[in-house]
Structures are given as structure tokens and as C-alpha cells.
Amino acid sequence: MKTRSIFMTTVIALMGITSVFGQTKTEKFKVYGNCGMCETRIEKAANSVEGVTSADWNKETKMIEVKLDESKTDVHKVHMAIAKVGHDTEMHKAKDEVYNKLPGCCKYDRAKSEMKHDKDHGDHSHDGHMN
């Protein structure tokens, strides 16, 4: 009986470990910024999202690699957290007042970052009402 109990406990533990690893996903996307301060701010914002296990932004390529637990969050929430601290992503544009408060060295060319944002969303609002 004791052997069976240990066996069942082991099986349950292995199932739990498998499900944790099975839900981890890696996402890569563009985040606009320039310098080491941007890197710190962007990575801190991404890591602040519950379920994100790591975030690494490359200032040369402007790409971030984020590992997240899909049972706790999704990539959309990561984009929103990064935009909230002043950095445009492929999915979300930071509010102008937040972007304007960034240090001078962190102010990237917003014209480049707007290519996807405005093209895809120019004819509707996100609250479900037509403009």
C-alpha cells in the first residue's frame, strides 16, 4: 500500500511539472527605444506582468524576447505594460504624455513606430463605436 501511495504521488507531481512546462511560450516582438535606460525600463515593465518569467530587449534590433506562462497571461498584456511606460510596440502605442516624459536619450522616432498602429486602426475605435 505504501508503494502505491508513493507511486501515485510521483505520478501527480510529474503531471504537474509537465503542465507547467507545457504552458510556457516564447514571444518576440518589436519595441521602440534607444539606450540602456530604455532596456531597463522595457524589461522591467514586461517582467512586471504576472506570468512573465523572463524578458530580454535588444537595443540594436529593437526586439524583445519574452517567456510567459499562458495560463497566467498573454502577449497582449505584455505589450500594454510596455506601452504604459512610454515605449511603442507593434500592438500598442504609448500615450503621448508618457512618451514626452521620457529622458531625451530615450525618445525614439515615433514616425517609424506608427506604421502598423495607424494603418490597421484608423477607421474604428476600440470601444465598439464607429468614429
N, C-alpha and C. Protein backbone atom coordinates (compact mmCIF):
# COMPACT_ATOMS: atom_id res chain seq x y z
N MET A 1 0.83 -1.20 0.00
CA MET A 1 0.00 0.00 0.00
C MET A 1 0.87 1.26 0.00
N LYS A 2 1.96 1.21 0.77
CA LYS A 2 2.85 2.36 0.85
C LYS A 2 3.50 2.65 -0.51
N THR A 3 3.89 1.58 -1.22
CA THR A 3 4.50 1.72 -2.53
C THR A 3 3.52 2.35 -3.51
N ARG A 4 2.29 1.95 -3.45
CA ARG A 4 1.26 2.52 -4.34
C ARG A 4 1.07 4.01 -4.05
N SER A 5 1.07 4.40 -2.81
CA SER A 5 0.92 5.80 -2.42
C SER A 5 2.08 6.64 -2.95
N ILE A 6 3.29 6.12 -2.82
CA ILE A 6 4.46 6.84 -3.33
C ILE A 6 4.38 6.94 -4.84
N PHE A 7 3.98 5.86 -5.50
CA PHE A 7 3.84 5.86 -6.95
C PHE A 7 2.83 6.92 -7.40
N MET A 8 1.67 6.98 -6.77
CA MET A 8 0.62 7.94 -7.13
C MET A 8 1.11 9.38 -6.89
N THR A 9 1.80 9.61 -5.81
CA THR A 9 2.34 10.95 -5.52
C THR A 9 3.33 11.35 -6.60
N THR A 10 4.18 10.43 -7.01
CA THR A 10 5.16 10.71 -8.07
C THR A 10 4.46 11.02 -9.39
N VAL A 11 3.46 10.24 -9.74
CA VAL A 11 2.72 10.47 -10.98
C VAL A 11 2.06 11.85 -10.96
N ILE A 12 1.43 12.20 -9.88
CA ILE A 12 0.77 13.51 -9.76
C ILE A 12 1.79 14.63 -9.86
N ALA A 13 2.92 14.49 -9.21
CA ALA A 13 3.97 15.51 -9.27
C ALA A 13 4.48 15.67 -10.70
N LEU A 14 4.71 14.56 -11.39
CA LEU A 14 5.18 14.63 -12.78
C LEU A 14 4.14 15.28 -13.69
N MET A 15 2.88 15.01 -13.46
CA MET A 15 1.82 15.64 -14.26
C MET A 15 1.82 17.15 -14.03
N GLY A 16 2.02 17.57 -12.81
CA GLY A 16 2.07 18.99 -12.50
C GLY A 16 3.24 19.67 -13.17
N ILE A 17 4.41 19.03 -13.14
CA ILE A 17 5.60 19.59 -13.78
C ILE A 17 5.39 19.67 -15.28
N THR A 18 4.83 18.65 -15.89
CA THR A 18 4.57 18.64 -17.33
C THR A 18 3.62 19.76 -17.72
N SER A 19 2.58 19.98 -16.94
CA SER A 19 1.62 21.03 -17.30
C SER A 19 2.23 22.41 -17.16
N VAL A 20 3.14 22.61 -16.21
CA VAL A 20 3.80 23.91 -16.06
C VAL A 20 4.67 24.18 -17.27
N PHE A 21 5.48 23.19 -17.67
CA PHE A 21 6.34 23.38 -18.81
C PHE A 21 5.55 23.48 -20.11
N GLY A 22 4.44 22.84 -20.21
CA GLY A 22 3.63 22.84 -21.41
C GLY A 22 2.97 24.18 -21.69
N GLN A 23 2.86 25.04 -20.70
CA GLN A 23 2.17 26.32 -20.87
C GLN A 23 3.13 27.48 -21.11
N THR A 24 4.43 27.24 -21.05
CA THR A 24 5.40 28.31 -21.27
C THR A 24 5.51 28.58 -22.77
N LYS A 25 5.48 29.84 -23.11
CA LYS A 25 5.55 30.25 -24.51
C LYS A 25 6.57 31.37 -24.64
N THR A 26 7.28 31.39 -25.75
CA THR A 26 8.23 32.47 -26.03
C THR A 26 7.67 33.32 -27.16
N GLU A 27 7.64 34.62 -26.93
CA GLU A 27 7.16 35.57 -27.93
C GLU A 27 8.26 36.58 -28.23
N LYS A 28 8.37 36.99 -29.49
CA LYS A 28 9.31 38.04 -29.90
C LYS A 28 8.53 39.11 -30.63
N PHE A 29 8.79 40.37 -30.29
CA PHE A 29 8.15 41.48 -30.99
C PHE A 29 8.98 42.75 -30.85
N LYS A 30 8.68 43.71 -31.72
CA LYS A 30 9.43 44.97 -31.75
C LYS A 30 8.92 45.92 -30.67
N VAL A 31 9.88 46.56 -29.98
CA VAL A 31 9.60 47.60 -29.00
C VAL A 31 10.56 48.74 -29.30
N TYR A 32 10.04 49.94 -29.45
CA TYR A 32 10.86 51.08 -29.80
C TYR A 32 11.51 51.71 -28.59
N GLY A 33 12.81 51.99 -28.72
CA GLY A 33 13.61 52.60 -27.68
C GLY A 33 15.02 52.78 -28.23
N ASN A 34 15.92 53.33 -27.39
CA ASN A 34 17.25 53.66 -27.89
C ASN A 34 18.43 53.16 -27.07
N CYS A 35 18.32 53.19 -25.75
CA CYS A 35 19.52 53.08 -24.93
C CYS A 35 19.37 52.08 -23.78
N GLY A 36 20.38 52.04 -22.94
CA GLY A 36 20.37 51.16 -21.79
C GLY A 36 19.26 51.48 -20.81
N MET A 37 18.93 52.77 -20.65
CA MET A 37 17.82 53.13 -19.77
C MET A 37 16.51 52.60 -20.33
N CYS A 38 16.36 52.67 -21.64
CA CYS A 38 15.16 52.10 -22.29
C CYS A 38 15.10 50.60 -22.02
N GLU A 39 16.23 49.94 -22.18
CA GLU A 39 16.28 48.49 -21.97
C GLU A 39 15.82 48.13 -20.56
N THR A 40 16.32 48.85 -19.57
CA THR A 40 15.94 48.59 -18.18
C THR A 40 14.44 48.81 -17.99
N ARG A 41 13.92 49.92 -18.52
CA ARG A 41 12.50 50.27 -18.36
C ARG A 41 11.60 49.26 -19.06
N ILE A 42 11.95 48.88 -20.29
CA ILE A 42 11.15 47.94 -21.09
C ILE A 42 11.12 46.57 -20.43
N GLU A 43 12.29 46.07 -20.04
CA GLU A 43 12.36 44.74 -19.41
C GLU A 43 11.64 44.73 -18.07
N LYS A 44 11.78 45.81 -17.29
CA LYS A 44 11.08 45.89 -16.00
C LYS A 44 9.57 45.86 -16.21
N ALA A 45 9.08 46.60 -17.20
CA ALA A 45 7.64 46.62 -17.49
C ALA A 45 7.15 45.24 -17.90
N ALA A 46 7.88 44.58 -18.77
CA ALA A 46 7.48 43.25 -19.22
C ALA A 46 7.49 42.26 -18.05
N ASN A 47 8.53 42.31 -17.25
CA ASN A 47 8.65 41.39 -16.11
C ASN A 47 7.63 41.67 -15.01
N SER A 48 7.01 42.86 -15.02
CA SER A 48 6.01 43.19 -14.01
C SER A 48 4.67 42.50 -14.26
N VAL A 49 4.49 41.97 -15.46
CA VAL A 49 3.25 41.27 -15.80
C VAL A 49 3.28 39.89 -15.17
N GLU A 50 2.27 39.58 -14.37
CA GLU A 50 2.21 38.26 -13.73
C GLU A 50 2.17 37.18 -14.79
N GLY A 51 3.05 36.21 -14.67
CA GLY A 51 3.12 35.12 -15.64
C GLY A 51 4.31 35.24 -16.57
N VAL A 52 4.96 36.42 -16.61
CA VAL A 52 6.17 36.58 -17.42
C VAL A 52 7.34 36.04 -16.60
N THR A 53 8.10 35.13 -17.19
CA THR A 53 9.22 34.54 -16.48
C THR A 53 10.56 35.16 -16.87
N SER A 54 10.63 35.78 -18.06
CA SER A 54 11.84 36.49 -18.45
C SER A 54 11.53 37.43 -19.61
N ALA A 55 12.34 38.48 -19.69
CA ALA A 55 12.21 39.45 -20.78
C ALA A 55 13.60 39.97 -21.12
N ASP A 56 13.95 39.99 -22.40
CA ASP A 56 15.26 40.44 -22.84
C ASP A 56 15.08 41.28 -24.09
N TRP A 57 15.34 42.61 -23.97
CA TRP A 57 15.21 43.53 -25.10
C TRP A 57 16.59 43.82 -25.67
N ASN A 58 16.70 43.81 -26.98
CA ASN A 58 17.95 44.09 -27.68
C ASN A 58 17.85 45.47 -28.30
N LYS A 59 18.71 46.40 -27.84
CA LYS A 59 18.60 47.79 -28.33
C LYS A 59 19.03 47.95 -29.79
N GLU A 60 19.83 47.03 -30.30
CA GLU A 60 20.23 47.13 -31.72
C GLU A 60 19.08 46.71 -32.64
N THR A 61 18.45 45.60 -32.33
CA THR A 61 17.39 45.09 -33.20
C THR A 61 16.01 45.63 -32.82
N LYS A 62 15.89 46.19 -31.61
CA LYS A 62 14.61 46.69 -31.05
C LYS A 62 13.62 45.55 -30.82
N MET A 63 14.12 44.34 -30.69
CA MET A 63 13.26 43.17 -30.47
C MET A 63 13.36 42.71 -29.01
N ILE A 64 12.22 42.33 -28.48
CA ILE A 64 12.18 41.76 -27.14
C ILE A 64 11.78 40.30 -27.24
N GLU A 65 12.40 39.48 -26.42
CA GLU A 65 12.02 38.08 -26.30
C GLU A 65 11.45 37.91 -24.91
N VAL A 66 10.20 37.47 -24.84
CA VAL A 66 9.51 37.31 -23.58
C VAL A 66 9.07 35.86 -23.43
N LYS A 67 9.35 35.30 -22.26
CA LYS A 67 8.85 33.96 -21.93
C LYS A 67 7.73 34.15 -20.93
N LEU A 68 6.58 33.52 -21.23
CA LEU A 68 5.42 33.70 -20.36
C LEU A 68 4.64 32.42 -20.19
N ASP A 69 3.91 32.39 -19.09
CA ASP A 69 3.05 31.26 -18.77
C ASP A 69 1.66 31.62 -19.30
N GLU A 70 1.23 30.93 -20.35
CA GLU A 70 -0.05 31.24 -20.99
C GLU A 70 -1.26 31.01 -20.09
N SER A 71 -1.09 30.27 -19.01
CA SER A 71 -2.22 30.06 -18.10
C SER A 71 -2.42 31.27 -17.19
N LYS A 72 -1.41 32.18 -17.16
CA LYS A 72 -1.49 33.36 -16.28
C LYS A 72 -1.61 34.68 -17.04
N THR A 73 -1.14 34.73 -18.28
CA THR A 73 -1.15 35.99 -19.03
C THR A 73 -1.09 35.71 -20.52
N ASP A 74 -1.11 36.77 -21.30
CA ASP A 74 -0.94 36.66 -22.75
C ASP A 74 -0.06 37.80 -23.24
N VAL A 75 0.40 37.69 -24.46
CA VAL A 75 1.34 38.66 -25.01
C VAL A 75 0.72 40.07 -25.09
N HIS A 76 -0.58 40.16 -25.26
CA HIS A 76 -1.27 41.44 -25.32
C HIS A 76 -1.02 42.25 -24.04
N LYS A 77 -1.07 41.61 -22.89
CA LYS A 77 -0.84 42.28 -21.61
C LYS A 77 0.59 42.78 -21.50
N VAL A 78 1.53 42.07 -22.09
CA VAL A 78 2.92 42.49 -22.07
C VAL A 78 3.08 43.75 -22.93
N HIS A 79 2.48 43.75 -24.10
CA HIS A 79 2.50 44.94 -24.96
C HIS A 79 1.93 46.14 -24.21
N MET A 80 0.81 45.96 -23.53
CA MET A 80 0.16 47.07 -22.81
C MET A 80 1.06 47.59 -21.70
N ALA A 81 1.72 46.71 -20.96
CA ALA A 81 2.60 47.13 -19.85
C ALA A 81 3.77 47.95 -20.38
N ILE A 82 4.32 47.55 -21.51
CA ILE A 82 5.45 48.27 -22.10
C ILE A 82 5.00 49.64 -22.61
N ALA A 83 3.86 49.70 -23.27
CA ALA A 83 3.34 50.98 -23.77
C ALA A 83 3.03 51.93 -22.61
N LYS A 84 2.60 51.37 -21.51
CA LYS A 84 2.25 52.18 -20.33
C LYS A 84 3.46 52.95 -19.77
N VAL A 85 4.68 52.44 -20.00
CA VAL A 85 5.88 53.13 -19.51
C VAL A 85 6.52 54.01 -20.58
N GLY A 86 5.86 54.15 -21.75
CA GLY A 86 6.32 55.11 -22.76
C GLY A 86 6.92 54.55 -24.02
N HIS A 87 6.88 53.25 -24.21
CA HIS A 87 7.51 52.66 -25.40
C HIS A 87 6.46 52.01 -26.31
N ASP A 88 6.46 52.44 -27.57
CA ASP A 88 5.55 51.88 -28.56
C ASP A 88 5.97 50.44 -28.88
N THR A 89 4.97 49.60 -29.13
CA THR A 89 5.22 48.23 -29.58
C THR A 89 4.46 48.04 -30.89
N GLU A 90 4.57 46.86 -31.45
CA GLU A 90 3.83 46.56 -32.68
C GLU A 90 2.33 46.58 -32.46
N MET A 91 1.90 46.36 -31.23
CA MET A 91 0.48 46.23 -30.94
C MET A 91 -0.12 47.47 -30.26
N HIS A 92 0.69 48.20 -29.49
CA HIS A 92 0.18 49.35 -28.74
C HIS A 92 1.10 50.55 -28.83
N LYS A 93 0.51 51.72 -28.94
CA LYS A 93 1.26 52.97 -28.94
C LYS A 93 1.15 53.58 -27.54
N ALA A 94 2.28 54.04 -27.02
CA ALA A 94 2.30 54.69 -25.71
C ALA A 94 1.55 56.02 -25.79
N LYS A 95 0.95 56.43 -24.68
CA LYS A 95 0.29 57.73 -24.63
C LYS A 95 1.34 58.83 -24.80
N ASP A 96 0.98 59.88 -25.53
CA ASP A 96 1.91 60.98 -25.79
C ASP A 96 2.47 61.58 -24.51
N GLU A 97 1.60 61.76 -23.49
CA GLU A 97 2.08 62.39 -22.26
C GLU A 97 3.11 61.53 -21.53
N VAL A 98 3.01 60.21 -21.67
CA VAL A 98 4.00 59.32 -21.04
C VAL A 98 5.29 59.34 -21.86
N TYR A 99 5.16 59.24 -23.18
CA TYR A 99 6.33 59.30 -24.06
C TYR A 99 7.09 60.61 -23.85
N ASN A 100 6.38 61.73 -23.74
CA ASN A 100 7.01 63.03 -23.59
C ASN A 100 7.80 63.18 -22.29
N LYS A 101 7.50 62.36 -21.29
CA LYS A 101 8.22 62.40 -20.02
C LYS A 101 9.50 61.56 -20.02
N LEU A 102 9.73 60.80 -21.09
CA LEU A 102 10.95 60.00 -21.17
C LEU A 102 12.17 60.92 -21.25
N PRO A 103 13.31 60.50 -20.72
CA PRO A 103 14.54 61.29 -20.88
C PRO A 103 14.85 61.48 -22.37
N GLY A 104 15.54 62.54 -22.71
CA GLY A 104 15.84 62.87 -24.10
C GLY A 104 16.47 61.73 -24.88
N CYS A 105 17.40 61.00 -24.25
CA CYS A 105 18.09 59.92 -24.96
C CYS A 105 17.16 58.75 -25.26
N CYS A 106 16.01 58.71 -24.61
CA CYS A 106 15.07 57.60 -24.78
C CYS A 106 13.99 57.90 -25.82
N LYS A 107 13.96 59.12 -26.31
CA LYS A 107 12.91 59.49 -27.28
C LYS A 107 13.29 59.01 -28.67
N TYR A 108 12.63 57.97 -29.10
CA TYR A 108 12.85 57.33 -30.38
C TYR A 108 12.00 58.01 -31.44
N ASP A 109 12.23 57.69 -32.69
CA ASP A 109 11.47 58.25 -33.81
C ASP A 109 10.10 57.59 -33.86
N ARG A 110 9.09 58.32 -33.42
CA ARG A 110 7.73 57.74 -33.35
C ARG A 110 7.11 57.56 -34.73
N ALA A 111 7.57 58.27 -35.74
CA ALA A 111 7.01 58.11 -37.08
C ALA A 111 7.22 56.67 -37.56
N LYS A 112 8.36 56.07 -37.23
CA LYS A 112 8.64 54.68 -37.62
C LYS A 112 7.73 53.73 -36.87
N SER A 113 7.45 54.04 -35.61
CA SER A 113 6.65 53.12 -34.79
C SER A 113 5.17 53.16 -35.14
N GLU A 114 4.72 54.19 -35.82
CA GLU A 114 3.30 54.35 -36.12
C GLU A 114 2.85 53.60 -37.36
N MET A 115 3.75 53.02 -38.10
CA MET A 115 3.39 52.35 -39.35
C MET A 115 2.28 51.33 -39.17
N LYS A 116 2.38 50.43 -38.21
CA LYS A 116 1.36 49.40 -38.02
C LYS A 116 0.15 49.93 -37.27
N HIS A 117 0.38 50.81 -36.29
CA HIS A 117 -0.71 51.26 -35.43
C HIS A 117 -1.83 51.95 -36.21
N ASP A 118 -1.46 53.00 -36.93
CA ASP A 118 -2.47 53.83 -37.57
C ASP A 118 -3.08 53.17 -38.81
N LYS A 119 -2.30 52.39 -39.52
CA LYS A 119 -2.78 51.75 -40.73
C LYS A 119 -3.92 50.78 -40.42
N ASP A 120 -3.79 50.03 -39.33
CA ASP A 120 -4.76 48.99 -39.02
C ASP A 120 -5.98 49.49 -38.25
N HIS A 121 -5.88 50.66 -37.61
CA HIS A 121 -6.94 51.08 -36.70
C HIS A 121 -7.52 52.47 -37.01
N GLY A 122 -7.27 52.99 -38.17
CA GLY A 122 -7.68 54.35 -38.47
C GLY A 122 -9.17 54.56 -38.63
N ASP A 123 -9.94 53.52 -38.94
CA ASP A 123 -11.35 53.73 -39.24
C ASP A 123 -12.30 53.26 -38.15
N HIS A 124 -11.76 52.90 -36.97
CA HIS A 124 -12.66 52.49 -35.88
C HIS A 124 -12.03 52.78 -34.53
N SER A 125 -12.86 52.81 -33.53
CA SER A 125 -12.37 52.96 -32.17
C SER A 125 -12.42 51.61 -31.49
N HIS A 126 -11.72 51.49 -30.35
CA HIS A 126 -11.67 50.21 -29.66
C HIS A 126 -12.82 50.00 -28.69
N ASP A 127 -13.70 50.98 -28.56
CA ASP A 127 -14.82 50.82 -27.63
C ASP A 127 -16.06 50.27 -28.32
N GLY A 128 -15.94 49.93 -29.59
CA GLY A 128 -17.05 49.29 -30.29
C GLY A 128 -17.93 50.27 -31.05
N HIS A 129 -17.68 51.57 -30.93
CA HIS A 129 -18.48 52.57 -31.64
C HIS A 129 -17.70 53.09 -32.83
N MET A 130 -18.38 53.36 -33.90
CA MET A 130 -17.73 53.91 -35.09
C MET A 130 -17.39 55.37 -34.85
N ASN A 131 -16.28 55.83 -35.44
CA ASN A 131 -15.89 57.25 -35.32
C ASN A 131 -16.73 58.13 -36.20
